[in-house]
Amino acid sequence: MIYWELFLAFFIPNIVGYGGGPAIIPLIEAEVVGRYGWMSSQAFAETLALGNALPSPIATKMAGYIGYEVAGLGGAAVAVAATVVPSLLLMIGALGLLYRHRESPRVKRMSQWVRPVIAIMMAWLTLSFLLESTASSGIVHTLIIGIVAAIALVRFNTHPAFVVIGALVYGGFFLG
């Protein structure tokens, strides 16, 4: 029964949620904290903070951690599968449909609109991160991390993982 509840707790938010990991986090919290009571709000917030500090999609990290906490390795597998399966099925169906109609002028026009929309969404996400960072860490620390990161990435072609590690170390020393 616990595996079924874990599956539903992550499958339903991923089916009805729109906008990716950050958009479905409140839905997952409603299931994990509100409906099933597997975690307190504080524990969920700490899990979210830890998930945000690590690379890769937030929803799958949280599903794996919460599933493991609730029901061990089997629970982690069920929760991650419930998180990934809706998107996977939708992508397989959409790609099949797009491939079948790849020569259609409508599909070609639609594909041309995807890049600018993604660019706008990424810009919005960057702005929200910037505003959140300045609110929590201050403008000086945000500027230092941002400028050093930009120089490391653009001028020295540093791998992004090392830039993230450097920002974490800086935060540990000066913000911790």
Protein backbone atom coordinates (compact mmCIF):
# COMPACT_ATOMS: atom_id res chain seq x y z
CA MET A 1 0.00 0.00 0.00
CA ILE A 2 2.85 2.43 0.76
CA TYR A 3 4.26 1.99 -2.75
CA TRP A 4 0.89 2.81 -4.29
CA GLU A 5 0.61 5.92 -2.11
CA LEU A 6 4.14 6.97 -3.07
CA PHE A 7 3.31 6.45 -6.72
CA LEU A 8 0.17 8.59 -6.47
CA ALA A 9 1.91 11.27 -4.40
CA PHE A 10 4.38 11.90 -7.22
CA PHE A 11 2.43 10.81 -10.30
CA ILE A 12 -0.56 13.12 -9.75
CA PRO A 13 1.48 16.34 -9.33
CA ASN A 14 3.51 15.45 -12.41
CA ILE A 15 0.37 14.80 -14.47
CA VAL A 16 -1.56 17.91 -13.42
CA GLY A 17 1.40 20.22 -12.86
CA TYR A 18 2.57 22.39 -15.71
CA GLY A 19 5.91 24.13 -15.88
CA GLY A 20 8.44 21.60 -14.67
CA GLY A 21 10.00 20.97 -11.26
CA PRO A 22 9.64 24.38 -9.63
CA ALA A 23 5.98 24.58 -10.67
CA ILE A 24 5.05 21.20 -9.21
CA ILE A 25 6.89 21.54 -5.90
CA PRO A 26 3.80 23.00 -4.15
CA LEU A 27 1.72 20.10 -5.47
CA ILE A 28 4.25 17.59 -4.17
CA GLU A 29 4.32 19.38 -0.82
CA ALA A 30 0.53 19.15 -0.61
CA GLU A 31 0.76 15.39 -1.09
CA VAL A 32 3.84 14.64 1.03
CA VAL A 33 3.14 17.03 3.91
CA GLY A 34 -0.60 17.64 3.73
CA ARG A 35 -2.21 14.42 2.54
CA TYR A 36 0.15 11.68 3.72
CA GLY A 37 2.07 13.44 6.51
CA TRP A 38 5.37 11.78 5.65
CA MET A 39 7.29 14.98 6.43
CA SER A 40 6.81 18.20 8.30
CA SER A 41 6.81 21.49 6.40
CA GLN A 42 10.26 22.23 7.83
CA ALA A 43 11.68 18.88 6.68
CA PHE A 44 10.17 19.42 3.24
CA ALA A 45 11.72 22.89 3.03
CA GLU A 46 15.11 21.46 4.01
CA THR A 47 14.74 18.73 1.37
CA LEU A 48 13.88 21.37 -1.21
CA ALA A 49 16.91 23.46 -0.21
CA LEU A 50 19.21 20.46 -0.48
CA GLY A 51 17.68 19.51 -3.82
CA ASN A 52 18.19 23.03 -5.16
CA ALA A 53 21.86 22.93 -4.15
CA LEU A 54 22.55 19.83 -6.24
CA PRO A 55 22.64 19.57 -10.03
CA SER A 56 19.91 17.85 -12.09
CA PRO A 57 16.13 18.21 -12.08
CA ILE A 58 14.66 19.09 -8.69
CA ALA A 59 11.55 16.90 -8.91
CA THR A 60 13.46 13.67 -9.47
CA LYS A 61 15.92 14.41 -6.66
CA MET A 62 13.11 15.14 -4.25
CA ALA A 63 11.17 12.07 -5.35
CA GLY A 64 14.19 9.85 -4.82
CA TYR A 65 14.97 11.29 -1.40
CA ILE A 66 11.39 11.31 -0.10
CA GLY A 67 10.68 7.87 -1.55
CA TYR A 68 13.78 6.52 0.16
CA GLU A 69 12.87 8.13 3.48
CA VAL A 70 9.35 6.66 3.32
CA ALA A 71 10.02 3.16 1.96
CA GLY A 72 13.71 2.55 1.31
CA LEU A 73 15.19 1.75 -2.10
CA GLY A 74 11.89 0.40 -3.43
CA GLY A 75 10.16 3.61 -2.41
CA ALA A 76 12.83 5.71 -4.11
CA ALA A 77 12.44 3.70 -7.32
CA VAL A 78 8.65 4.00 -7.27
CA ALA A 79 8.69 7.75 -6.55
CA VAL A 80 11.27 8.48 -9.26
CA ALA A 81 9.37 6.35 -11.78
CA ALA A 82 6.14 8.16 -10.93
CA THR A 83 7.93 11.46 -11.51
CA VAL A 84 9.53 10.49 -14.81
CA VAL A 85 6.83 8.33 -16.46
CA PRO A 86 4.30 11.12 -17.26
CA SER A 87 6.88 13.24 -19.07
CA LEU A 88 8.38 10.23 -20.77
CA LEU A 89 5.03 9.04 -22.14
CA LEU A 90 4.10 12.54 -23.26
CA MET A 91 7.46 13.03 -24.99
CA ILE A 92 7.25 9.69 -26.80
CA GLY A 93 3.74 10.53 -28.00
CA ALA A 94 4.63 14.09 -29.00
CA LEU A 95 7.82 13.07 -30.79
CA GLY A 96 5.96 10.38 -32.71
CA LEU A 97 3.33 12.90 -33.77
CA LEU A 98 5.91 15.53 -34.70
CA TYR A 99 7.98 13.00 -36.64
CA ARG A 100 4.93 11.85 -38.58
CA HIS A 101 4.13 15.45 -39.58
CA ARG A 102 7.70 16.78 -39.78
CA GLU A 103 7.21 18.15 -43.31
CA SER A 104 4.09 20.12 -42.40
CA PRO A 105 4.49 23.91 -42.62
CA ARG A 106 2.58 24.26 -39.34
CA VAL A 107 4.99 21.98 -37.51
CA LYS A 108 7.97 23.87 -38.96
CA ARG A 109 6.50 27.23 -37.85
CA MET A 110 5.74 25.84 -34.40
CA SER A 111 9.32 24.60 -34.10
CA GLN A 112 10.61 28.08 -34.94
CA TRP A 113 8.67 29.52 -31.99
CA VAL A 114 10.05 27.05 -29.48
CA ARG A 115 13.55 28.56 -29.19
CA PRO A 116 12.44 32.12 -28.36
CA VAL A 117 9.91 30.83 -25.84
CA ILE A 118 12.58 28.73 -24.12
CA ALA A 119 14.95 31.72 -24.13
CA ILE A 120 12.31 33.90 -22.47
CA MET A 121 11.56 31.21 -19.90
CA MET A 122 15.27 30.85 -19.08
CA ALA A 123 15.64 34.63 -18.78
CA TRP A 124 12.68 34.74 -16.40
CA LEU A 125 14.16 31.92 -14.32
CA THR A 126 17.52 33.72 -14.21
CA LEU A 127 15.84 36.93 -13.09
CA SER A 128 13.93 35.13 -10.35
CA PHE A 129 17.16 33.49 -9.13
CA LEU A 130 18.88 36.89 -9.15
CA LEU A 131 16.09 38.51 -7.15
CA GLU A 132 15.99 35.62 -4.67
CA SER A 133 19.77 35.70 -4.27
CA THR A 134 19.91 39.44 -3.64
CA ALA A 135 17.08 39.17 -1.13
CA SER A 136 18.68 36.34 0.83
CA SER A 137 22.44 36.98 0.43
CA GLY A 138 22.63 40.66 -0.39
CA ILE A 139 23.63 42.51 -3.52
CA VAL A 140 27.38 42.49 -2.78
CA HIS A 141 27.69 38.70 -2.41
CA THR A 142 25.41 38.15 -5.40
CA LEU A 143 27.52 40.44 -7.57
CA ILE A 144 30.78 38.85 -6.43
CA ILE A 145 29.55 35.33 -7.18
CA GLY A 146 27.95 36.41 -10.47
CA ILE A 147 30.96 38.33 -11.78
CA VAL A 148 33.48 35.66 -10.78
CA ALA A 149 31.24 32.96 -12.27
CA ALA A 150 30.83 34.89 -15.54
CA ILE A 151 34.59 35.44 -15.83
CA ALA A 152 35.34 31.80 -15.05
CA LEU A 153 32.79 30.55 -17.58
CA VAL A 154 33.43 32.98 -20.43
CA ARG A 155 37.06 34.01 -20.13
CA PHE A 156 38.62 30.82 -18.75
CA ASN A 157 36.10 28.30 -20.13
CA THR A 158 35.79 26.65 -16.70
CA HIS A 159 33.44 23.69 -16.45
CA PRO A 160 30.13 24.79 -14.85
CA ALA A 161 30.43 22.13 -12.14
CA PHE A 162 33.61 23.77 -10.86
CA VAL A 163 31.92 27.18 -10.93
CA VAL A 164 29.04 25.81 -8.82
CA ILE A 165 31.49 24.20 -6.40
CA GLY A 166 33.38 27.49 -6.12
CA ALA A 167 30.15 29.38 -5.41
CA LEU A 168 29.22 26.82 -2.75
CA VAL A 169 32.63 27.17 -1.10
CA TYR A 170 32.33 30.97 -1.18
CA GLY A 171 28.85 30.71 0.34
CA GLY A 172 30.11 28.33 3.01
CA PHE A 173 32.84 30.72 4.09
CA PHE A 174 31.11 34.07 3.76
CA LEU A 175 27.40 33.32 4.07
CA GLY A 176 27.30 30.28 6.33
